[in-house]
PDB file of N, CA and C in Angstrom:
ATOM      1  N   UNK A   1      17.218 -25.676   9.647  1.00  0.00           N
ATOM      2  CA  UNK A   1      16.617 -25.288  10.897  1.00  0.00           C
ATOM      3  C   UNK A   1      15.541 -24.226  10.664  1.00  0.00           C
ATOM      4  N   UNK A   2      15.845 -23.217   9.859  1.00  0.00           N
ATOM      5  CA  UNK A   2      14.862 -22.163   9.588  1.00  0.00           C
ATOM      6  C   UNK A   2      13.649 -22.760   8.886  1.00  0.00           C
ATOM      7  N   UNK A   3      13.894 -23.737   8.019  1.00  0.00           N
ATOM      8  CA  UNK A   3      12.788 -24.378   7.310  1.00  0.00           C
ATOM      9  C   UNK A   3      11.830 -25.044   8.297  1.00  0.00           C
ATOM     10  N   UNK A   4      12.368 -25.656   9.336  1.00  0.00           N
ATOM     11  CA  UNK A   4      11.525 -26.301  10.337  1.00  0.00           C
ATOM     12  C   UNK A   4      10.753 -25.278  11.158  1.00  0.00           C
ATOM     13  N   UNK A   5      11.377 -24.154  11.457  1.00  0.00           N
ATOM     14  CA  UNK A   5      10.696 -23.117  12.243  1.00  0.00           C
ATOM     15  C   UNK A   5       9.530 -22.553  11.444  1.00  0.00           C
ATOM     16  N   UNK A   6       9.771 -22.253  10.168  1.00  0.00           N
ATOM     17  CA  UNK A   6       8.705 -21.683   9.344  1.00  0.00           C
ATOM     18  C   UNK A   6       7.589 -22.683   9.081  1.00  0.00           C
ATOM     19  N   UNK A   7       7.923 -23.944   8.970  1.00  0.00           N
ATOM     20  CA  UNK A   7       6.877 -24.938   8.710  1.00  0.00           C
ATOM     21  C   UNK A   7       6.012 -25.167   9.938  1.00  0.00           C
ATOM     22  N   UNK A   8       6.556 -24.913  11.132  1.00  0.00           N
ATOM     23  CA  UNK A   8       5.769 -25.086  12.356  1.00  0.00           C
ATOM     24  C   UNK A   8       4.830 -23.910  12.622  1.00  0.00           C
ATOM     25  N   UNK A   9       5.120 -22.759  12.039  1.00  0.00           N
ATOM     26  CA  UNK A   9       4.241 -21.605  12.210  1.00  0.00           C
ATOM     27  C   UNK A   9       3.013 -21.771  11.327  1.00  0.00           C
ATOM     28  N   UNK A  10       1.869 -21.510  11.868  1.00  0.00           N
ATOM     29  CA  UNK A  10       0.645 -21.616  11.090  1.00  0.00           C
ATOM     30  C   UNK A  10       0.350 -20.343  10.330  1.00  0.00           C
ATOM     31  N   UNK A  11      -0.068 -20.459   9.091  1.00  0.00           N
ATOM     32  CA  UNK A  11      -0.486 -19.303   8.305  1.00  0.00           C
ATOM     33  C   UNK A  11       0.641 -18.483   7.723  1.00  0.00           C
ATOM     34  N   UNK A  12       1.838 -19.079   7.541  1.00  0.00           N
ATOM     35  CA  UNK A  12       2.956 -18.329   6.989  1.00  0.00           C
ATOM     36  C   UNK A  12       2.653 -17.908   5.549  1.00  0.00           C
ATOM     37  N   UNK A  13       1.985 -18.737   4.785  1.00  0.00           N
ATOM     38  CA  UNK A  13       1.633 -18.401   3.408  1.00  0.00           C
ATOM     39  C   UNK A  13       0.704 -17.203   3.337  1.00  0.00           C
ATOM     40  N   UNK A  14      -0.091 -17.032   4.346  1.00  0.00           N
ATOM     41  CA  UNK A  14      -1.025 -15.910   4.398  1.00  0.00           C
ATOM     42  C   UNK A  14      -0.285 -14.578   4.498  1.00  0.00           C
ATOM     43  N   UNK A  15       0.856 -14.550   5.201  1.00  0.00           N
ATOM     44  CA  UNK A  15       1.639 -13.322   5.326  1.00  0.00           C
ATOM     45  C   UNK A  15       2.148 -12.848   3.969  1.00  0.00           C
ATOM     46  N   UNK A  16       2.550 -13.776   3.129  1.00  0.00           N
ATOM     47  CA  UNK A  16       3.010 -13.415   1.790  1.00  0.00           C
ATOM     48  C   UNK A  16       1.904 -12.788   0.962  1.00  0.00           C
ATOM     49  N   UNK A  17       0.725 -13.373   1.039  1.00  0.00           N
ATOM     50  CA  UNK A  17      -0.421 -12.859   0.291  1.00  0.00           C
ATOM     51  C   UNK A  17      -0.807 -11.467   0.799  1.00  0.00           C
ATOM     52  N   UNK A  18      -0.814 -11.299   2.105  1.00  0.00           N
ATOM     53  CA  UNK A  18      -1.164 -10.000   2.686  1.00  0.00           C
ATOM     54  C   UNK A  18      -0.139  -8.942   2.294  1.00  0.00           C
ATOM     55  N   UNK A  19       1.151  -9.281   2.324  1.00  0.00           N
ATOM     56  CA  UNK A  19       2.174  -8.298   1.973  1.00  0.00           C
ATOM     57  C   UNK A  19       2.088  -7.901   0.501  1.00  0.00           C
ATOM     58  N   UNK A  20       1.800  -8.826  -0.384  1.00  0.00           N
ATOM     59  CA  UNK A  20       1.628  -8.500  -1.804  1.00  0.00           C
ATOM     60  C   UNK A  20       0.410  -7.595  -2.000  1.00  0.00           C
ATOM     61  N   UNK A  21      -0.673  -7.883  -1.294  1.00  0.00           N
ATOM     62  CA  UNK A  21      -1.866  -7.041  -1.404  1.00  0.00           C
ATOM     63  C   UNK A  21      -1.606  -5.627  -0.904  1.00  0.00           C
ATOM     64  N   UNK A  22      -0.873  -5.493   0.201  1.00  0.00           N
ATOM     65  CA  UNK A  22      -0.544  -4.166   0.722  1.00  0.00           C
ATOM     66  C   UNK A  22       0.333  -3.418  -0.274  1.00  0.00           C
ATOM     67  N   UNK A  23       1.314  -4.104  -0.865  1.00  0.00           N
ATOM     68  CA  UNK A  23       2.192  -3.472  -1.846  1.00  0.00           C
ATOM     69  C   UNK A  23       1.397  -2.958  -3.037  1.00  0.00           C
ATOM     70  N   UNK A  24       0.528  -3.782  -3.614  1.00  0.00           N
ATOM     71  CA  UNK A  24      -0.234  -3.356  -4.778  1.00  0.00           C
ATOM     72  C   UNK A  24      -1.246  -2.270  -4.428  1.00  0.00           C
ATOM     73  N   UNK A  25      -1.809  -2.305  -3.230  1.00  0.00           N
ATOM     74  CA  UNK A  25      -2.727  -1.242  -2.824  1.00  0.00           C
ATOM     75  C   UNK A  25      -1.984   0.089  -2.709  1.00  0.00           C
ATOM     76  N   UNK A  26      -0.804   0.080  -2.116  1.00  0.00           N
ATOM     77  CA  UNK A  26      -0.008   1.299  -1.997  1.00  0.00           C
ATOM     78  C   UNK A  26       0.416   1.802  -3.365  1.00  0.00           C
ATOM     79  N   UNK A  27       0.888   0.911  -4.234  1.00  0.00           N
ATOM     80  CA  UNK A  27       1.330   1.288  -5.574  1.00  0.00           C
ATOM     81  C   UNK A  27       0.169   1.862  -6.386  1.00  0.00           C
ATOM     82  N   UNK A  28      -0.984   1.227  -6.322  1.00  0.00           N
ATOM     83  CA  UNK A  28      -2.161   1.720  -7.039  1.00  0.00           C
ATOM     84  C   UNK A  28      -2.608   3.071  -6.487  1.00  0.00           C
ATOM     85  N   UNK A  29      -2.578   3.229  -5.167  1.00  0.00           N
ATOM     86  CA  UNK A  29      -2.932   4.509  -4.561  1.00  0.00           C
ATOM     87  C   UNK A  29      -1.985   5.627  -4.983  1.00  0.00           C
ATOM     88  N   UNK A  30      -0.693   5.312  -5.064  1.00  0.00           N
ATOM     89  CA  UNK A  30       0.288   6.317  -5.501  1.00  0.00           C
ATOM     90  C   UNK A  30       0.048   6.710  -6.949  1.00  0.00           C
ATOM     91  N   UNK A  31      -0.278   5.751  -7.800  1.00  0.00           N
ATOM     92  CA  UNK A  31      -0.572   6.066  -9.197  1.00  0.00           C
ATOM     93  C   UNK A  31      -1.820   6.931  -9.330  1.00  0.00           C
ATOM     94  N   UNK A  32      -2.855   6.595  -8.592  1.00  0.00           N
ATOM     95  CA  UNK A  32      -4.098   7.372  -8.647  1.00  0.00           C
ATOM     96  C   UNK A  32      -3.851   8.788  -8.147  1.00  0.00           C
ATOM     97  N   UNK A  33      -3.087   8.935  -7.041  1.00  0.00           N
ATOM     98  CA  UNK A  33      -2.785  10.257  -6.512  1.00  0.00           C
ATOM     99  C   UNK A  33      -1.983  11.079  -7.520  1.00  0.00           C
ATOM    100  N   UNK A  34      -1.030  10.432  -8.193  1.00  0.00           N
ATOM    101  CA  UNK A  34      -0.191  11.128  -9.162  1.00  0.00           C
ATOM    102  C   UNK A  34      -1.006  11.652 -10.334  1.00  0.00           C
ATOM    103  N   UNK A  35      -1.869  10.818 -10.874  1.00  0.00           N
ATOM    104  CA  UNK A  35      -2.649  11.233 -12.039  1.00  0.00           C
ATOM    105  C   UNK A  35      -3.799  12.161 -11.674  1.00  0.00           C
ATOM    106  N   UNK A  36      -4.154  12.238 -10.394  1.00  0.00           N
ATOM    107  CA  UNK A  36      -5.247  13.114  -9.970  1.00  0.00           C
ATOM    108  C   UNK A  36      -4.775  14.539  -9.688  1.00  0.00           C
ATOM    109  N   UNK A  37      -3.467  14.759  -9.664  1.00  0.00           N
ATOM    110  CA  UNK A  37      -2.940  16.090  -9.375  1.00  0.00           C
ATOM    111  C   UNK A  37      -3.225  17.043 -10.534  1.00  0.00           C
ATOM    112  N   UNK A  38      -3.353  18.313 -10.183  1.00  0.00           N
ATOM    113  CA  UNK A  38      -3.589  19.340 -11.199  1.00  0.00           C
ATOM    114  C   UNK A  38      -2.325  19.556 -12.028  1.00  0.00           C
ATOM    115  N   UNK A  39      -2.513  19.882 -13.275  1.00  0.00           N
ATOM    116  CA  UNK A  39      -1.395  20.118 -14.183  1.00  0.00           C
ATOM    117  C   UNK A  39      -0.584  21.334 -13.742  1.00  0.00           C
ATOM    118  N   UNK A  40      -1.248  22.370 -13.244  1.00  0.00           N
ATOM    119  CA  UNK A  40      -0.524  23.570 -12.825  1.00  0.00           C
ATOM    120  C   UNK A  40       0.395  23.268 -11.641  1.00  0.00           C
ATOM    121  N   UNK A  41      -0.039  22.422 -10.718  1.00  0.00           N
ATOM    122  CA  UNK A  41       0.802  22.044  -9.590  1.00  0.00           C
ATOM    123  C   UNK A  41       2.022  21.269 -10.069  1.00  0.00           C
ATOM    124  N   UNK A  42       1.827  20.371 -11.007  1.00  0.00           N
ATOM    125  CA  UNK A  42       2.941  19.591 -11.532  1.00  0.00           C
ATOM    126  C   UNK A  42       3.943  20.476 -12.277  1.00  0.00           C
ATOM    127  N   UNK A  43       3.456  21.464 -13.022  1.00  0.00           N
ATOM    128  CA  UNK A  43       4.353  22.388 -13.723  1.00  0.00           C
ATOM    129  C   UNK A  43       5.174  23.201 -12.724  1.00  0.00           C
ATOM    130  N   UNK A  44       4.553  23.639 -11.637  1.00  0.00           N
ATOM    131  CA  UNK A  44       5.271  24.377 -10.610  1.00  0.00           C
ATOM    132  C   UNK A  44       6.326  23.505  -9.939  1.00  0.00           C
ATOM    133  N   UNK A  45       5.979  22.286  -9.629  1.00  0.00           N
ATOM    134  CA  UNK A  45       6.898  21.377  -8.951  1.00  0.00           C
ATOM    135  C   UNK A  45       8.068  20.970  -9.847  1.00  0.00           C
ATOM    136  N   UNK A  46       7.828  20.836 -11.138  1.00  0.00           N
ATOM    137  CA  UNK A  46       8.923  20.417 -12.017  1.00  0.00           C
ATOM    138  C   UNK A  46       9.964  21.508 -12.203  1.00  0.00           C
ATOM    139  N   UNK A  47       9.579  22.770 -11.977  1.00  0.00           N
ATOM    140  CA  UNK A  47      10.516  23.874 -12.122  1.00  0.00           C
ATOM    141  C   UNK A  47      11.263  24.207 -10.829  1.00  0.00           C
ATOM    142  N   UNK A  48      10.874  23.630  -9.705  1.00  0.00           N
ATOM    143  CA  UNK A  48      11.497  23.960  -8.421  1.00  0.00           C
ATOM    144  C   UNK A  48      12.999  23.686  -8.378  1.00  0.00           C
ATOM    145  N   UNK A  49      13.513  22.574  -8.876  1.00  0.00           N
ATOM    146  CA  UNK A  49      14.964  22.360  -8.799  1.00  0.00           C
ATOM    147  C   UNK A  49      15.763  23.366  -9.620  1.00  0.00           C
ATOM    148  N   UNK A  50      15.161  23.984 -10.619  1.00  0.00           N
ATOM    149  CA  UNK A  50      15.865  24.912 -11.483  1.00  0.00           C
ATOM    150  C   UNK A  50      15.699  26.369 -11.068  1.00  0.00           C
ATOM    151  N   UNK A  51      14.812  26.629 -10.126  1.00  0.00           N
ATOM    152  CA  UNK A  51      14.516  28.001  -9.718  1.00  0.00           C
ATOM    153  C   UNK A  51      15.670  28.581  -8.918  1.00  0.00           C
ATOM    154  N   UNK A  52      15.974  29.865  -9.184  1.00  0.00           N
ATOM    155  CA  UNK A  52      16.994  30.561  -8.408  1.00  0.00           C
ATOM    156  C   UNK A  52      16.431  30.890  -7.040  1.00  0.00           C
ATOM    157  N   UNK A  53      17.316  30.881  -6.065  1.00  0.00           N
ATOM    158  CA  UNK A  53      16.904  31.246  -4.718  1.00  0.00           C
ATOM    159  C   UNK A  53      16.786  32.759  -4.658  1.00  0.00           C
ATOM    160  N   UNK A  54      15.619  33.283  -4.329  1.00  0.00           N
ATOM    161  CA  UNK A  54      15.388  34.719  -4.368  1.00  0.00           C
ATOM    162  C   UNK A  54      15.833  35.429  -3.098  1.00  0.00           C
ATOM    163  N   UNK A  55      16.112  34.688  -2.039  1.00  0.00           N
ATOM    164  CA  UNK A  55      16.561  35.326  -0.811  1.00  0.00           C
ATOM    165  C   UNK A  55      18.077  35.294  -0.764  1.00  0.00           C
ATOM    166  N   UNK A  56      18.699  36.418  -0.397  1.00  0.00           N
ATOM    167  CA  UNK A  56      20.169  36.432  -0.333  1.00  0.00           C
ATOM    168  C   UNK A  56      20.665  35.545   0.802  1.00  0.00           C
ATOM    169  N   UNK A  57      21.862  35.028   0.640  1.00  0.00           N
ATOM    170  CA  UNK A  57      22.449  34.162   1.658  1.00  0.00           C
ATOM    171  C   UNK A  57      22.734  34.962   2.923  1.00  0.00           C
ATOM    172  N   UNK A  58      22.402  34.398   4.058  1.00  0.00           N
ATOM    173  CA  UNK A  58      22.634  35.048   5.339  1.00  0.00           C
ATOM    174  C   UNK A  58      24.077  34.811   5.784  1.00  0.00           C
ATOM    175  N   UNK A  59      24.565  35.655   6.681  1.00  0.00           N
ATOM    176  CA  UNK A  59      25.909  35.457   7.212  1.00  0.00           C
ATOM    177  C   UNK A  59      25.955  34.121   7.948  1.00  0.00           C
ATOM    178  N   UNK A  60      27.023  33.407   7.733  1.00  0.00           N
ATOM    179  CA  UNK A  60      27.164  32.117   8.386  1.00  0.00           C
ATOM    180  C   UNK A  60      26.446  31.000   7.656  1.00  0.00           C
ATOM    181  N   UNK A  61      25.819  31.312   6.534  1.00  0.00           N
ATOM    182  CA  UNK A  61      25.138  30.288   5.745  1.00  0.00           C
ATOM    183  C   UNK A  61      26.196  29.393   5.126  1.00  0.00           C
ATOM    184  N   UNK A  62      26.043  28.114   5.257  1.00  0.00           N
ATOM    185  CA  UNK A  62      27.076  27.191   4.810  1.00  0.00           C
ATOM    186  C   UNK A  62      26.744  26.558   3.460  1.00  0.00           C
ATOM    187  N   UNK A  63      26.128  27.289   2.579  1.00  0.00           N
ATOM    188  CA  UNK A  63      25.835  26.756   1.254  1.00  0.00           C
ATOM    189  C   UNK A  63      27.101  26.735   0.410  1.00  0.00           C
ATOM    190  N   UNK A  64      27.250  25.717  -0.364  1.00  0.00           N
ATOM    191  CA  UNK A  64      28.411  25.602  -1.260  1.00  0.00           C
ATOM    192  C   UNK A  64      27.945  25.837  -2.682  1.00  0.00           C
ATOM    193  N   UNK A  65      28.080  27.056  -3.132  1.00  0.00           N
ATOM    194  CA  UNK A  65      27.640  27.366  -4.487  1.00  0.00           C
ATOM    195  C   UNK A  65      28.791  27.837  -5.311  1.00  0.00           C
TER     196      UNK A  65
END
């Protein structure tokens, strides 16, 4: 039944081509953005998960450390 519905729709093959083009455009844009970033920004960002929190915990703070 689904096969008949899709075959009756015109231009279904075009949707596949458009979706692949959008995917590759987004992927290529993400790669270009990544490699265009400054090295100093990347060094700062890579150290963020390891950085100690410099502000003391407030009362009622529900952090589990």
